Amino acid sequence: MPRYFFDIDDGGDRTTDHVGTDFPDAEAARAEAISVLPSIARDAPRTDSREIVATVRDESGLPIFRARLSIEGEWIREPCGRKERIC
């Protein structure tokens, strides 16, 4: 079974996968890259804007797929309890 490597860049830190994971094919590795992004976003520090990128490399080390998750948030009204609140 081929081995694929997942490098993660969350906008502040970059993690390079040196171990890899076996998948039946590139399509299965692609699906894993896409499915892992939301959990990385949930565990990341809370900010209103961020981009998380997962790059899949094959056994030769060449990038074959990149998945990107962008999160943009902004307050429309400040919630109660913040310094300049609107309630």
C-alpha atoms as a PDB file:
ATOM      1  CA  MET A   1       0.000   0.000   0.000  1.00  0.00           C
ATOM      2  CA  PRO A   2       1.415   3.433  -0.883  1.00  0.00           C
ATOM      3  CA  ARG A   3       2.448   5.825   1.871  1.00  0.00           C
ATOM      4  CA  TYR A   4       1.357   9.457   1.864  1.00  0.00           C
ATOM      5  CA  PHE A   5       2.604  12.370   3.960  1.00  0.00           C
ATOM      6  CA  PHE A   6       0.478  15.238   5.276  1.00  0.00           C
ATOM      7  CA  ASP A   7       2.112  18.606   5.889  1.00  0.00           C
ATOM      8  CA  ILE A   8      -0.047  21.090   7.799  1.00  0.00           C
ATOM      9  CA  ASP A   9       0.293  24.873   7.741  1.00  0.00           C
ATOM     10  CA  ASP A  10      -2.116  26.711  10.028  1.00  0.00           C
ATOM     11  CA  GLY A  11      -0.918  30.203   9.213  1.00  0.00           C
ATOM     12  CA  GLY A  12       1.483  30.328  12.131  1.00  0.00           C
ATOM     13  CA  ASP A  13       3.040  26.917  12.425  1.00  0.00           C
ATOM     14  CA  ARG A  14       4.041  24.412   9.787  1.00  0.00           C
ATOM     15  CA  THR A  15       4.182  20.711  10.627  1.00  0.00           C
ATOM     16  CA  THR A  16       6.033  18.383   8.260  1.00  0.00           C
ATOM     17  CA  ASP A  17       4.981  14.738   8.325  1.00  0.00           C
ATOM     18  CA  HIS A  18       8.095  12.538   8.432  1.00  0.00           C
ATOM     19  CA  VAL A  19       6.261   9.272   9.196  1.00  0.00           C
ATOM     20  CA  GLY A  20       3.387   9.146   6.716  1.00  0.00           C
ATOM     21  CA  THR A  21       0.273   6.986   6.562  1.00  0.00           C
ATOM     22  CA  ASP A  22      -0.625   4.119   4.259  1.00  0.00           C
ATOM     23  CA  PHE A  23      -3.663   4.563   2.014  1.00  0.00           C
ATOM     24  CA  PRO A  24      -4.951   2.371  -0.798  1.00  0.00           C
ATOM     25  CA  ASP A  25      -4.574   5.195  -3.329  1.00  0.00           C
ATOM     26  CA  ALA A  26      -4.184   8.940  -3.830  1.00  0.00           C
ATOM     27  CA  GLU A  27      -7.957   9.477  -3.741  1.00  0.00           C
ATOM     28  CA  ALA A  28      -8.125   8.054  -0.194  1.00  0.00           C
ATOM     29  CA  ALA A  29      -5.255  10.341   0.865  1.00  0.00           C
ATOM     30  CA  ARG A  30      -7.093  13.286  -0.716  1.00  0.00           C
ATOM     31  CA  ALA A  31     -10.264  12.467   1.233  1.00  0.00           C
ATOM     32  CA  GLU A  32      -8.270  12.295   4.482  1.00  0.00           C
ATOM     33  CA  ALA A  33      -6.646  15.682   3.835  1.00  0.00           C
ATOM     34  CA  ILE A  34     -10.056  17.277   3.347  1.00  0.00           C
ATOM     35  CA  SER A  35     -11.648  15.591   6.361  1.00  0.00           C
ATOM     36  CA  VAL A  36      -8.873  16.518   8.814  1.00  0.00           C
ATOM     37  CA  LEU A  37      -9.056  20.302   8.254  1.00  0.00           C
ATOM     38  CA  PRO A  38     -12.198  21.031  10.349  1.00  0.00           C
ATOM     39  CA  SER A  39     -10.785  19.230  13.400  1.00  0.00           C
ATOM     40  CA  ILE A  40      -7.522  21.160  13.106  1.00  0.00           C
ATOM     41  CA  ALA A  41      -9.526  24.402  12.923  1.00  0.00           C
ATOM     42  CA  ARG A  42     -11.517  23.457  16.053  1.00  0.00           C
ATOM     43  CA  ASP A  43      -8.332  22.795  18.038  1.00  0.00           C
ATOM     44  CA  ALA A  44      -6.503  25.910  16.830  1.00  0.00           C
ATOM     45  CA  PRO A  45      -6.335  29.162  18.806  1.00  0.00           C
ATOM     46  CA  ARG A  46      -9.461  31.263  18.372  1.00  0.00           C
ATOM     47  CA  THR A  47      -9.036  34.053  15.853  1.00  0.00           C
ATOM     48  CA  ASP A  48     -11.478  35.721  13.505  1.00  0.00           C
ATOM     49  CA  SER A  49      -9.410  34.976  10.405  1.00  0.00           C
ATOM     50  CA  ARG A  50      -7.248  32.010   9.601  1.00  0.00           C
ATOM     51  CA  GLU A  51      -6.297  29.669   6.814  1.00  0.00           C
ATOM     52  CA  ILE A  52      -5.270  26.049   7.268  1.00  0.00           C
ATOM     53  CA  VAL A  53      -3.587  24.143   4.457  1.00  0.00           C
ATOM     54  CA  ALA A  54      -2.953  20.401   4.230  1.00  0.00           C
ATOM     55  CA  THR A  55      -0.494  19.338   1.535  1.00  0.00           C
ATOM     56  CA  VAL A  56      -0.325  15.661   0.609  1.00  0.00           C
ATOM     57  CA  ARG A  57       3.006  14.282  -0.606  1.00  0.00           C
ATOM     58  CA  ASP A  58       3.571  10.895  -2.208  1.00  0.00           C
ATOM     59  CA  GLU A  59       6.320   8.402  -1.319  1.00  0.00           C
ATOM     60  CA  SER A  60       8.836  10.260  -3.474  1.00  0.00           C
ATOM     61  CA  GLY A  61       8.145  13.457  -1.497  1.00  0.00           C
ATOM     62  CA  LEU A  62       6.385  15.262  -4.325  1.00  0.00           C
ATOM     63  CA  PRO A  63       3.235  17.253  -3.470  1.00  0.00           C
ATOM     64  CA  ILE A  64       0.195  15.728  -5.183  1.00  0.00           C
ATOM     65  CA  PHE A  65      -2.766  17.481  -3.531  1.00  0.00           C
ATOM     66  CA  ARG A  66      -3.482  20.562  -1.434  1.00  0.00           C
ATOM     67  CA  ALA A  67      -6.628  21.237   0.607  1.00  0.00           C
ATOM     68  CA  ARG A  68      -7.291  24.691   2.040  1.00  0.00           C
ATOM     69  CA  LEU A  69      -9.805  25.797   4.681  1.00  0.00           C
ATOM     70  CA  SER A  70     -10.338  29.532   5.194  1.00  0.00           C
ATOM     71  CA  ILE A  71     -12.235  31.000   8.118  1.00  0.00           C
ATOM     72  CA  GLU A  72     -13.276  34.644   8.150  1.00  0.00           C
ATOM     73  CA  GLY A  73     -15.285  36.089  10.993  1.00  0.00           C
ATOM     74  CA  GLU A  74     -16.244  39.546  12.151  1.00  0.00           C
ATOM     75  CA  TRP A  75     -18.502  40.945  14.823  1.00  0.00           C
ATOM     76  CA  ILE A  76     -21.551  42.691  13.405  1.00  0.00           C
ATOM     77  CA  ARG A  77     -22.562  43.787  16.899  1.00  0.00           C
ATOM     78  CA  GLU A  78     -20.342  43.487  19.923  1.00  0.00           C
ATOM     79  CA  PRO A  79     -21.818  40.977  22.376  1.00  0.00           C
ATOM     80  CA  CYS A  80     -22.756  42.020  25.914  1.00  0.00           C
ATOM     81  CA  GLY A  81     -19.832  41.889  28.281  1.00  0.00           C
ATOM     82  CA  ARG A  82     -17.231  43.216  25.869  1.00  0.00           C
ATOM     83  CA  LYS A  83     -15.624  46.623  26.436  1.00  0.00           C
ATOM     84  CA  GLU A  84     -17.816  48.573  23.992  1.00  0.00           C
ATOM     85  CA  ARG A  85     -20.984  46.561  24.066  1.00  0.00           C
ATOM     86  CA  ILE A  86     -24.292  46.906  22.327  1.00  0.00           C
ATOM     87  CA  CYS A  87     -27.119  45.196  24.183  1.00  0.00           C
END
